[in-house]
C-alpha atoms as a PDB file:
ATOM      1  CA  MET A   1     -68.014 -21.264  13.672  1.00  0.00           C
ATOM      2  CA  LYS A   2     -64.477 -22.344  14.567  1.00  0.00           C
ATOM      3  CA  ARG A   3     -62.008 -19.703  15.596  1.00  0.00           C
ATOM      4  CA  ASN A   4     -58.359 -19.910  14.642  1.00  0.00           C
ATOM      5  CA  TYR A   5     -56.072 -19.351  17.591  1.00  0.00           C
ATOM      6  CA  THR A   6     -52.421 -18.558  17.043  1.00  0.00           C
ATOM      7  CA  LYS A   7     -50.110 -20.178  19.531  1.00  0.00           C
ATOM      8  CA  ARG A   8     -48.338 -17.495  21.508  1.00  0.00           C
ATOM      9  CA  GLN A   9     -44.568 -17.502  21.114  1.00  0.00           C
ATOM     10  CA  PRO A  10     -42.538 -17.505  24.342  1.00  0.00           C
ATOM     11  CA  LYS A  11     -40.703 -14.285  25.163  1.00  0.00           C
ATOM     12  CA  ILE A  12     -36.992 -14.603  24.404  1.00  0.00           C
ATOM     13  CA  TRP A  13     -36.051 -11.551  26.494  1.00  0.00           C
ATOM     14  CA  THR A  14     -36.667 -11.936  30.199  1.00  0.00           C
ATOM     15  CA  SER A  15     -35.619  -9.273  32.681  1.00  0.00           C
ATOM     16  CA  GLU A  16     -32.654 -11.456  33.685  1.00  0.00           C
ATOM     17  CA  LYS A  17     -31.449 -11.726  30.071  1.00  0.00           C
ATOM     18  CA  VAL A  18     -31.796  -7.996  29.541  1.00  0.00           C
ATOM     19  CA  GLN A  19     -29.780  -7.352  32.697  1.00  0.00           C
ATOM     20  CA  PHE A  20     -27.077  -9.778  31.480  1.00  0.00           C
ATOM     21  CA  LEU A  21     -26.996  -7.925  28.147  1.00  0.00           C
ATOM     22  CA  HIS A  22     -26.517  -4.570  29.897  1.00  0.00           C
ATOM     23  CA  GLU A  23     -23.693  -5.937  32.015  1.00  0.00           C
ATOM     24  CA  ASN A  24     -21.800  -7.800  29.296  1.00  0.00           C
ATOM     25  CA  TYR A  25     -22.579  -6.427  25.810  1.00  0.00           C
ATOM     26  CA  PRO A  26     -20.365  -3.294  25.999  1.00  0.00           C
ATOM     27  CA  ASN A  27     -17.240  -5.325  26.873  1.00  0.00           C
ATOM     28  CA  PHE A  28     -17.849  -8.607  25.044  1.00  0.00           C
ATOM     29  CA  GLY A  29     -20.173  -7.915  22.123  1.00  0.00           C
ATOM     30  CA  SER A  30     -23.099  -9.698  20.459  1.00  0.00           C
ATOM     31  CA  LYS A  31     -21.448 -13.041  19.713  1.00  0.00           C
ATOM     32  CA  TYR A  32     -20.472 -13.634  23.350  1.00  0.00           C
ATOM     33  CA  CYS A  33     -23.859 -12.528  24.689  1.00  0.00           C
ATOM     34  CA  GLY A  34     -25.741 -14.607  22.133  1.00  0.00           C
ATOM     35  CA  GLU A  35     -23.814 -17.762  23.059  1.00  0.00           C
ATOM     36  CA  LYS A  36     -24.341 -17.253  26.794  1.00  0.00           C
ATOM     37  CA  LEU A  37     -28.038 -16.511  26.424  1.00  0.00           C
ATOM     38  CA  GLY A  38     -28.789 -19.268  23.923  1.00  0.00           C
ATOM     39  CA  LEU A  39     -29.570 -16.736  21.193  1.00  0.00           C
ATOM     40  CA  THR A  40     -28.046 -15.716  17.869  1.00  0.00           C
ATOM     41  CA  PRO A  41     -25.565 -12.815  17.646  1.00  0.00           C
ATOM     42  CA  GLN A  42     -28.134 -10.990  15.503  1.00  0.00           C
ATOM     43  CA  GLN A  43     -30.767 -11.252  18.240  1.00  0.00           C
ATOM     44  CA  ALA A  44     -28.319 -10.002  20.859  1.00  0.00           C
ATOM     45  CA  PHE A  45     -27.233  -7.134  18.609  1.00  0.00           C
ATOM     46  CA  GLY A  46     -30.824  -6.131  17.800  1.00  0.00           C
ATOM     47  CA  LYS A  47     -31.848  -6.041  21.448  1.00  0.00           C
ATOM     48  CA  ALA A  48     -28.689  -4.118  22.403  1.00  0.00           C
ATOM     49  CA  LYS A  49     -29.529  -1.524  19.768  1.00  0.00           C
ATOM     50  CA  LEU A  50     -33.082  -1.174  21.138  1.00  0.00           C
ATOM     51  CA  GLU A  51     -31.647  -0.777  24.638  1.00  0.00           C
ATOM     52  CA  GLY A  52     -29.239   1.908  23.440  1.00  0.00           C
ATOM     53  CA  LEU A  53     -26.135  -0.154  24.224  1.00  0.00           C
ATOM     54  CA  CYS A  54     -22.781   0.280  22.448  1.00  0.00           C
ATOM     55  CA  ILE A  55     -19.540  -1.661  22.586  1.00  0.00           C
ATOM     56  CA  THR A  56     -16.457  -0.019  24.107  1.00  0.00           C
ATOM     57  CA  LYS A  57     -13.685   1.645  22.087  1.00  0.00           C
ATOM     58  CA  GLU A  58     -11.329  -1.159  23.095  1.00  0.00           C
ATOM     59  CA  LEU A  59     -13.670  -3.787  21.655  1.00  0.00           C
ATOM     60  CA  LYS A  60     -14.124  -1.737  18.462  1.00  0.00           C
ATOM     61  CA  THR A  61     -10.334  -1.638  18.051  1.00  0.00           C
ATOM     62  CA  LYS A  62     -10.137  -5.402  18.558  1.00  0.00           C
ATOM     63  CA  TYR A  63     -12.820  -5.995  15.906  1.00  0.00           C
ATOM     64  CA  SER A  64     -11.031  -3.642  13.471  1.00  0.00           C
ATOM     65  CA  ILE A  65      -7.782  -5.582  13.825  1.00  0.00           C
ATOM     66  CA  GLN A  66      -9.547  -8.919  13.352  1.00  0.00           C
ATOM     67  CA  ASN A  67     -11.468  -7.681  10.305  1.00  0.00           C
ATOM     68  CA  GLY A  68      -8.282  -6.282   8.804  1.00  0.00           C
ATOM     69  CA  LYS A  69      -6.591  -9.659   9.127  1.00  0.00           C
ATOM     70  CA  ASN A  70      -9.585 -11.415   7.581  1.00  0.00           C
ATOM     71  CA  ARG A  71      -9.702  -9.026   4.610  1.00  0.00           C
ATOM     72  CA  LYS A  72      -6.009  -9.573   4.033  1.00  0.00           C
ATOM     73  CA  SER A  73      -6.531 -13.329   3.961  1.00  0.00           C
ATOM     74  CA  PHE A  74      -9.368 -12.953   1.430  1.00  0.00           C
ATOM     75  CA  SER A  75      -7.090 -11.152  -1.026  1.00  0.00           C
ATOM     76  CA  GLY A  76      -5.741 -13.748  -3.415  1.00  0.00           C
ATOM     77  CA  ILE A  77      -3.735 -11.224  -5.468  1.00  0.00           C
ATOM     78  CA  ASN A  78       0.004 -10.718  -5.193  1.00  0.00           C
ATOM     79  CA  ALA A  79       0.475  -6.924  -5.121  1.00  0.00           C
ATOM     80  CA  ASP A  80       4.189  -7.231  -5.957  1.00  0.00           C
ATOM     81  CA  PHE A  81       3.181  -8.706  -9.296  1.00  0.00           C
ATOM     82  CA  PHE A  82       1.970  -5.201 -10.214  1.00  0.00           C
ATOM     83  CA  THR A  83       4.072  -2.812  -8.140  1.00  0.00           C
ATOM     84  CA  THR A  84       7.241  -4.104  -9.821  1.00  0.00           C
ATOM     85  CA  PRO A  85       5.843  -5.168 -13.219  1.00  0.00           C
ATOM     86  CA  GLN A  86       8.284  -7.505 -14.923  1.00  0.00           C
ATOM     87  CA  THR A  87       5.927  -9.713 -16.921  1.00  0.00           C
ATOM     88  CA  LYS A  88       3.803  -9.102 -19.987  1.00  0.00           C
ATOM     89  CA  GLU A  89       0.698 -10.250 -18.087  1.00  0.00           C
ATOM     90  CA  ALA A  90       1.204  -7.669 -15.313  1.00  0.00           C
ATOM     91  CA  CYS A  91       1.682  -4.873 -17.836  1.00  0.00           C
ATOM     92  CA  TYR A  92      -1.357  -5.952 -19.857  1.00  0.00           C
ATOM     93  CA  ILE A  93      -3.618  -6.017 -16.782  1.00  0.00           C
ATOM     94  CA  LEU A  94      -2.344  -2.612 -15.639  1.00  0.00           C
ATOM     95  CA  GLY A  95      -3.257  -1.261 -19.076  1.00  0.00           C
ATOM     96  CA  PHE A  96      -6.697  -2.859 -18.964  1.00  0.00           C
ATOM     97  CA  LEU A  97      -7.313  -1.427 -15.491  1.00  0.00           C
ATOM     98  CA  TRP A  98      -6.395   2.031 -16.772  1.00  0.00           C
ATOM     99  CA  ALA A  99      -9.152   1.646 -19.371  1.00  0.00           C
ATOM    100  CA  ASP A 100     -11.957  -0.111 -17.473  1.00  0.00           C
ATOM    101  CA  GLY A 101     -10.834  -0.544 -13.873  1.00  0.00           C
ATOM    102  CA  TYR A 102     -12.112   1.315 -10.822  1.00  0.00           C
ATOM    103  CA  LEU A 103     -11.169   1.973  -7.209  1.00  0.00           C
ATOM    104  CA  VAL A 104     -14.176   1.823  -4.885  1.00  0.00           C
ATOM    105  CA  ASN A 105     -15.016   4.925  -2.836  1.00  0.00           C
ATOM    106  CA  THR A 106     -11.447   6.190  -2.717  1.00  0.00           C
ATOM    107  CA  GLU A 107     -11.650   8.804   0.071  1.00  0.00           C
ATOM    108  CA  LYS A 108     -13.832   6.731   2.388  1.00  0.00           C
ATOM    109  CA  SER A 109     -11.800   3.591   1.804  1.00  0.00           C
ATOM    110  CA  ILE A 110      -8.591   5.205   3.061  1.00  0.00           C
ATOM    111  CA  LYS A 111     -10.274   5.865   6.412  1.00  0.00           C
ATOM    112  CA  THR A 112     -12.042   2.524   6.746  1.00  0.00           C
ATOM    113  CA  SER A 113      -9.470   0.260   5.045  1.00  0.00           C
ATOM    114  CA  HIS A 114     -12.033  -0.972   2.493  1.00  0.00           C
ATOM    115  CA  ARG A 115      -9.872  -0.892  -0.615  1.00  0.00           C
ATOM    116  CA  THR A 116     -11.462  -2.604  -3.586  1.00  0.00           C
ATOM    117  CA  ILE A 117     -10.094  -2.771  -7.127  1.00  0.00           C
ATOM    118  CA  GLY A 118     -12.365  -4.061  -9.864  1.00  0.00           C
ATOM    119  CA  LEU A 119     -13.558  -3.966 -13.437  1.00  0.00           C
ATOM    120  CA  GLU A 120     -16.521  -5.157 -15.479  1.00  0.00           C
ATOM    121  CA  ILE A 121     -16.186  -6.913 -18.815  1.00  0.00           C
ATOM    122  CA  LEU A 122     -18.286  -8.872 -21.294  1.00  0.00           C
ATOM    123  CA  GLU A 123     -18.403 -12.548 -20.390  1.00  0.00           C
ATOM    124  CA  SER A 124     -17.157 -13.571 -23.846  1.00  0.00           C
ATOM    125  CA  ASP A 125     -14.142 -11.261 -23.491  1.00  0.00           C
ATOM    126  CA  TRP A 126     -13.442 -12.514 -19.980  1.00  0.00           C
ATOM    127  CA  LEU A 127     -13.280 -16.109 -21.199  1.00  0.00           C
ATOM    128  CA  ASN A 128     -10.661 -14.910 -23.683  1.00  0.00           C
ATOM    129  CA  ILE A 129      -8.344 -13.253 -21.124  1.00  0.00           C
ATOM    130  CA  GLN A 130      -9.067 -14.941 -17.801  1.00  0.00           C
ATOM    131  CA  GLN A 131      -5.833 -16.941 -18.048  1.00  0.00           C
ATOM    132  CA  VAL A 132      -3.911 -13.662 -18.193  1.00  0.00           C
ATOM    133  CA  PHE A 133      -5.576 -12.373 -15.015  1.00  0.00           C
ATOM    134  CA  SER A 134      -5.007 -15.693 -13.244  1.00  0.00           C
ATOM    135  CA  LYS A 135      -1.253 -15.036 -13.402  1.00  0.00           C
ATOM    136  CA  ALA A 136      -1.748 -12.380 -10.693  1.00  0.00           C
ATOM    137  CA  GLY A 137      -3.569 -14.738  -8.321  1.00  0.00           C
ATOM    138  CA  LYS A 138      -7.186 -15.442  -7.434  1.00  0.00           C
ATOM    139  CA  TRP A 139      -9.791 -12.749  -8.161  1.00  0.00           C
ATOM    140  CA  VAL A 140     -13.368 -12.603  -6.872  1.00  0.00           C
ATOM    141  CA  ILE A 141     -15.579 -13.239  -9.917  1.00  0.00           C
ATOM    142  CA  SER A 142     -19.324 -12.598 -10.194  1.00  0.00           C
ATOM    143  CA  ARG A 143     -21.700 -12.752 -13.154  1.00  0.00           C
ATOM    144  CA  ILE A 144     -23.799  -9.674 -13.976  1.00  0.00           C
ATOM    145  CA  THR A 145     -26.496  -8.761 -16.492  1.00  0.00           C
ATOM    146  CA  LYS A 146     -26.958  -5.195 -17.675  1.00  0.00           C
ATOM    147  CA  SER A 147     -29.750  -3.706 -19.735  1.00  0.00           C
ATOM    148  CA  TYR A 148     -29.115  -0.794 -22.069  1.00  0.00           C
ATOM    149  CA  HIS A 149     -30.510   1.008 -25.111  1.00  0.00           C
ATOM    150  CA  ASP A 150     -28.447   0.907 -28.273  1.00  0.00           C
ATOM    151  CA  ASN A 151     -28.299   3.615 -30.949  1.00  0.00           C
ATOM    152  CA  ILE A 152     -31.739   2.685 -32.308  1.00  0.00           C
ATOM    153  CA  LYS A 153     -33.149   2.747 -28.757  1.00  0.00           C
ATOM    154  CA  GLU A 154     -33.848  -0.958 -28.661  1.00  0.00           C
ATOM    155  CA  LEU A 155     -33.588  -2.559 -25.243  1.00  0.00           C
ATOM    156  CA  ARG A 156     -30.787  -5.089 -25.128  1.00  0.00           C
ATOM    157  CA  LYS A 157     -28.988  -7.070 -22.470  1.00  0.00           C
ATOM    158  CA  ASN A 158     -25.312  -7.794 -22.018  1.00  0.00           C
ATOM    159  CA  VAL A 159     -24.073 -10.646 -19.861  1.00  0.00           C
ATOM    160  CA  GLY A 160     -20.893  -9.574 -18.149  1.00  0.00           C
ATOM    161  CA  VAL A 161     -18.424 -10.443 -15.435  1.00  0.00           C
ATOM    162  CA  ARG A 162     -17.288  -8.371 -12.464  1.00  0.00           C
ATOM    163  CA  ILE A 163     -13.670  -8.988 -11.373  1.00  0.00           C
ATOM    164  CA  GLN A 164     -12.622  -7.662  -7.962  1.00  0.00           C
ATOM    165  CA  THR A 165     -10.019  -7.870  -5.232  1.00  0.00           C
ATOM    166  CA  CYS A 166      -9.643  -6.213  -1.835  1.00  0.00           C
ATOM    167  CA  ASN A 167      -5.918  -5.515  -1.567  1.00  0.00           C
ATOM    168  CA  LYS A 168      -4.505  -2.570   0.399  1.00  0.00           C
ATOM    169  CA  PRO A 169      -0.964  -2.478  -1.082  1.00  0.00           C
ATOM    170  CA  LEU A 170      -2.260  -2.764  -4.662  1.00  0.00           C
ATOM    171  CA  PHE A 171      -4.993  -0.189  -4.005  1.00  0.00           C
ATOM    172  CA  ASN A 172      -2.469   2.328  -2.644  1.00  0.00           C
ATOM    173  CA  PHE A 173      -0.111   1.661  -5.550  1.00  0.00           C
ATOM    174  CA  LEU A 174      -2.838   2.328  -8.135  1.00  0.00           C
ATOM    175  CA  LEU A 175      -3.970   5.389  -6.199  1.00  0.00           C
ATOM    176  CA  GLU A 176      -0.428   6.765  -6.310  1.00  0.00           C
ATOM    177  CA  LYS A 177      -0.276   6.139 -10.071  1.00  0.00           C
ATOM    178  CA  ASP A 178      -3.461   8.190 -10.704  1.00  0.00           C
ATOM    179  CA  TYR A 179      -5.841   5.295 -11.355  1.00  0.00           C
ATOM    180  CA  ALA A 180      -8.516   7.025  -9.254  1.00  0.00           C
ATOM    181  CA  ILE A 181      -8.469  10.091 -11.543  1.00  0.00           C
ATOM    182  CA  LYS A 182      -7.620   8.369 -14.830  1.00  0.00           C
ATOM    183  CA  SER A 183     -10.619   9.901 -16.616  1.00  0.00           C
ATOM    184  CA  LEU A 184      -8.963  13.301 -16.198  1.00  0.00           C
ATOM    185  CA  CYS A 185      -5.269  12.643 -16.610  1.00  0.00           C
ATOM    186  CA  ALA A 186      -2.648  10.851 -18.713  1.00  0.00           C
ATOM    187  CA  PRO A 187      -1.025   7.547 -17.632  1.00  0.00           C
ATOM    188  CA  THR A 188       2.397   9.145 -17.284  1.00  0.00           C
ATOM    189  CA  LYS A 189       3.203   7.820 -13.788  1.00  0.00           C
ATOM    190  CA  ILE A 190       2.418   4.189 -14.546  1.00  0.00           C
ATOM    191  CA  LEU A 191       4.209   4.223 -17.907  1.00  0.00           C
ATOM    192  CA  GLN A 192       7.361   5.466 -16.180  1.00  0.00           C
ATOM    193  CA  ILE A 193       7.733   2.153 -14.335  1.00  0.00           C
ATOM    194  CA  ILE A 194       6.802  -0.153 -17.225  1.00  0.00           C
ATOM    195  CA  PRO A 195       9.960  -1.667 -18.773  1.00  0.00           C
ATOM    196  CA  GLU A 196      10.504  -0.403 -22.301  1.00  0.00           C
ATOM    197  CA  HIS A 197      10.308  -3.857 -23.898  1.00  0.00           C
ATOM    198  CA  LEU A 198       6.932  -4.483 -22.163  1.00  0.00           C
ATOM    199  CA  LYS A 199       5.239  -1.157 -22.917  1.00  0.00           C
ATOM    200  CA  LYS A 200       3.394  -2.608 -25.911  1.00  0.00           C
ATOM    201  CA  TYR A 201       1.564  -4.948 -23.513  1.00  0.00           C
ATOM    202  CA  TRP A 202       0.401  -2.042 -21.352  1.00  0.00           C
ATOM    203  CA  TRP A 203      -0.865  -0.324 -24.494  1.00  0.00           C
ATOM    204  CA  ARG A 204      -2.498  -3.559 -25.686  1.00  0.00           C
ATOM    205  CA  GLY A 205      -4.397  -3.853 -22.405  1.00  0.00           C
ATOM    206  CA  TYR A 206      -5.451  -0.217 -22.556  1.00  0.00           C
ATOM    207  CA  PHE A 207      -6.555  -0.551 -26.193  1.00  0.00           C
ATOM    208  CA  ASP A 208      -8.493  -3.755 -25.444  1.00  0.00           C
ATOM    209  CA  GLY A 209     -10.459  -1.741 -22.883  1.00  0.00           C
ATOM    210  CA  ASP A 210     -10.866   1.671 -24.513  1.00  0.00           C
ATOM    211  CA  GLY A 211      -9.699   1.249 -28.097  1.00  0.00           C
ATOM    212  CA  CYS A 212     -11.381   0.240 -31.330  1.00  0.00           C
ATOM    213  CA  PHE A 213     -10.440  -0.836 -34.860  1.00  0.00           C
ATOM    214  CA  TYR A 214     -12.971  -0.072 -37.572  1.00  0.00           C
ATOM    215  CA  VAL A 215     -12.604  -1.673 -41.013  1.00  0.00           C
ATOM    216  CA  ASN A 216     -14.952  -1.257 -43.977  1.00  0.00           C
ATOM    217  CA  LYS A 217     -13.200  -2.439 -47.136  1.00  0.00           C
ATOM    218  CA  LYS A 218     -16.053  -1.582 -49.463  1.00  0.00           C
ATOM    219  CA  ARG A 219     -15.815   2.069 -48.453  1.00  0.00           C
ATOM    220  CA  SER A 220     -12.035   1.929 -47.907  1.00  0.00           C
ATOM    221  CA  LEU A 221     -12.457   2.998 -44.283  1.00  0.00           C
ATOM    222  CA  TYR A 222      -9.742   2.091 -41.781  1.00  0.00           C
ATOM    223  CA  GLN A 223      -9.901   3.733 -38.368  1.00  0.00           C
ATOM    224  CA  VAL A 224      -8.134   3.452 -34.994  1.00  0.00           C
ATOM    225  CA  THR A 225      -9.797   5.150 -32.025  1.00  0.00           C
ATOM    226  CA  PHE A 226      -9.132   5.656 -28.314  1.00  0.00           C
ATOM    227  CA  ALA A 227     -12.260   6.767 -26.416  1.00  0.00           C
ATOM    228  CA  GLY A 228     -12.366   8.663 -23.121  1.00  0.00           C
ATOM    229  CA  SER A 229     -14.018  11.331 -21.013  1.00  0.00           C
ATOM    230  CA  PHE A 230     -14.714  14.866 -22.190  1.00  0.00           C
ATOM    231  CA  GLU A 231     -11.843  16.203 -20.045  1.00  0.00           C
ATOM    232  CA  GLN A 232      -9.447  13.338 -20.852  1.00  0.00           C
ATOM    233  CA  ASP A 233      -5.742  14.186 -21.013  1.00  0.00           C
ATOM    234  CA  TRP A 234      -4.587  12.477 -24.218  1.00  0.00           C
ATOM    235  CA  GLY A 235      -0.929  13.446 -23.798  1.00  0.00           C
ATOM    236  CA  GLU A 236       0.566   9.946 -23.657  1.00  0.00           C
ATOM    237  CA  VAL A 237      -1.618   8.621 -26.492  1.00  0.00           C
ATOM    238  CA  ILE A 238      -0.516  11.562 -28.627  1.00  0.00           C
ATOM    239  CA  ASN A 239       3.131  10.948 -27.696  1.00  0.00           C
ATOM    240  CA  LEU A 240       2.805   7.306 -28.757  1.00  0.00           C
ATOM    241  CA  LEU A 241       1.198   8.118 -32.111  1.00  0.00           C
ATOM    242  CA  ASN A 242       3.767  10.837 -32.797  1.00  0.00           C
ATOM    243  CA  SER A 243       6.596   8.397 -32.028  1.00  0.00           C
ATOM    244  CA  LEU A 244       5.055   5.980 -34.550  1.00  0.00           C
ATOM    245  CA  GLN A 245       4.740   8.844 -37.076  1.00  0.00           C
ATOM    246  CA  ILE A 246       0.976   8.450 -37.178  1.00  0.00           C
ATOM    247  CA  LYS A 247      -1.175  11.511 -37.789  1.00  0.00           C
ATOM    248  CA  TRP A 248      -4.112  11.844 -35.411  1.00  0.00           C
ATOM    249  CA  LYS A 249      -7.151  13.971 -34.649  1.00  0.00           C
ATOM    250  CA  GLU A 250      -8.837  14.794 -31.330  1.00  0.00           C
ATOM    251  CA  VAL A 251     -12.643  14.903 -31.336  1.00  0.00           C
ATOM    252  CA  LYS A 252     -14.895  16.142 -28.532  1.00  0.00           C
ATOM    253  CA  PHE A 253     -18.640  15.522 -28.605  1.00  0.00           C
ATOM    254  CA  GLU A 254     -21.775  16.261 -26.583  1.00  0.00           C
ATOM    255  CA  LYS A 255     -24.860  14.166 -27.348  1.00  0.00           C
ATOM    256  CA  SER A 256     -28.156  13.306 -25.682  1.00  0.00           C
ATOM    257  CA  TYR A 257     -26.689  10.188 -24.048  1.00  0.00           C
ATOM    258  CA  GLY A 258     -23.581  11.954 -22.758  1.00  0.00           C
ATOM    259  CA  LYS A 259     -20.338  13.612 -23.731  1.00  0.00           C
ATOM    260  CA  GLY A 260     -16.798  12.461 -24.316  1.00  0.00           C
ATOM    261  CA  SER A 261     -13.715  12.737 -26.458  1.00  0.00           C
ATOM    262  CA  CYS A 262     -11.513  10.496 -28.567  1.00  0.00           C
ATOM    263  CA  ILE A 263      -8.237  10.349 -30.418  1.00  0.00           C
ATOM    264  CA  THR A 264      -8.703   8.885 -33.855  1.00  0.00           C
ATOM    265  CA  THR A 265      -6.658   8.244 -36.975  1.00  0.00           C
ATOM    266  CA  PHE A 266      -7.716   7.214 -40.479  1.00  0.00           C
ATOM    267  CA  SER A 267      -6.152   5.268 -43.372  1.00  0.00           C
ATOM    268  CA  LYS A 268      -4.979   1.723 -43.866  1.00  0.00           C
ATOM    269  CA  ASP A 269      -1.287   2.601 -43.554  1.00  0.00           C
ATOM    270  CA  ARG A 270      -1.783   4.280 -40.159  1.00  0.00           C
ATOM    271  CA  MET A 271      -3.821   1.361 -38.854  1.00  0.00           C
ATOM    272  CA  GLN A 272      -1.126  -1.072 -39.928  1.00  0.00           C
ATOM    273  CA  LYS A 273       1.603   1.011 -38.273  1.00  0.00           C
ATOM    274  CA  PHE A 274      -0.290   1.059 -34.999  1.00  0.00           C
ATOM    275  CA  GLY A 275      -1.241  -2.623 -35.194  1.00  0.00           C
ATOM    276  CA  GLN A 276       2.335  -3.655 -35.927  1.00  0.00           C
ATOM    277  CA  PHE A 277       3.438  -1.843 -32.752  1.00  0.00           C
ATOM    278  CA  LEU A 278       0.650  -3.396 -30.686  1.00  0.00           C
ATOM    279  CA  TYR A 279       1.002  -6.961 -31.990  1.00  0.00           C
ATOM    280  CA  LYS A 280       4.698  -7.222 -32.818  1.00  0.00           C
ATOM    281  CA  GLU A 281       5.707 -10.875 -32.345  1.00  0.00           C
ATOM    282  CA  TYR A 282       2.064 -11.656 -31.553  1.00  0.00           C
ATOM    283  CA  ASP A 283       1.693 -14.210 -28.753  1.00  0.00           C
ATOM    284  CA  GLU A 284      -2.126 -14.379 -28.522  1.00  0.00           C
ATOM    285  CA  LEU A 285      -2.183 -12.356 -25.312  1.00  0.00           C
ATOM    286  CA  GLY A 286      -5.242 -10.083 -25.250  1.00  0.00           C
ATOM    287  CA  LEU A 287      -8.639  -9.935 -26.920  1.00  0.00           C
ATOM    288  CA  LYS A 288      -8.566 -12.099 -30.016  1.00  0.00           C
ATOM    289  CA  ARG A 289     -11.485 -10.255 -31.620  1.00  0.00           C
ATOM    290  CA  LYS A 290      -9.493  -7.000 -31.755  1.00  0.00           C
ATOM    291  CA  TYR A 291      -6.446  -8.712 -33.228  1.00  0.00           C
ATOM    292  CA  GLU A 292      -8.637 -10.332 -35.891  1.00  0.00           C
ATOM    293  CA  LYS A 293     -10.199  -6.966 -36.718  1.00  0.00           C
ATOM    294  CA  PHE A 294      -6.698  -5.533 -37.217  1.00  0.00           C
ATOM    295  CA  MET A 295      -5.753  -8.470 -39.435  1.00  0.00           C
ATOM    296  CA  LEU A 296      -8.629  -7.548 -41.775  1.00  0.00           C
ATOM    297  CA  SER A 297      -6.634  -4.481 -42.778  1.00  0.00           C
ATOM    298  CA  ASN A 298      -3.803  -6.693 -44.007  1.00  0.00           C
ATOM    299  CA  SER A 299      -5.905  -8.865 -46.305  1.00  0.00           C
END
């Protein structure tokens, strides 16, 4: 019977290489050692870890500076576009981010300089508004698929898009304007810097993310709803509806799948008042499907 012999692999770590690693790794790191030893940086790093070696504080500082510069170069977004919002696109995106945006790991990111802003959206909706987002610069886009159970507990899948950017000035600006705690507070700080003639675009972006029109002509049902967390501060939404002379109702709910709250208003007249504010001099900016749903109330 033939025996299978496995050819023995040569040892990559001789005593001389290990000694070189001990003498040079702390001051020069894995890339330098790998190049000098004819190995990959990963191999040098792995062996250094097994040997209990660490790089010096000076080298850590150097790497931090280099990584900071690289992250800055990867950010294709102009923060000034948002921090001094003077365009309808900037105001719309700021509204959309208030609805569906997120800041990644806020407390940790301040210490480590990893400041990521992002949101997730249905792919069909993204195709509708990607030109608006492109006005701010280049975002990092990735395709995602999520599974969920609908109201009749049937497993479904949604194809979506994740939009992100790593941008320190923009992150800090949004942090200052309460975007990290937006599920608990009102958007008062951000609305204070939105020019009056552009406020409808902020509200359009927010409504496209967290708002809903419901129209059922057969039953004469016309409804406008803003949805949020159970502890949501609805102060600014209420102020807007009051200024438009629209009666509203706050509803809180706790169900098996979670809890939340909403501001809602009924009747065709109230929907038309709100829609006329949102889409005055309509320029096709925003989710077309929501505009079309509003237009059903006019026919």
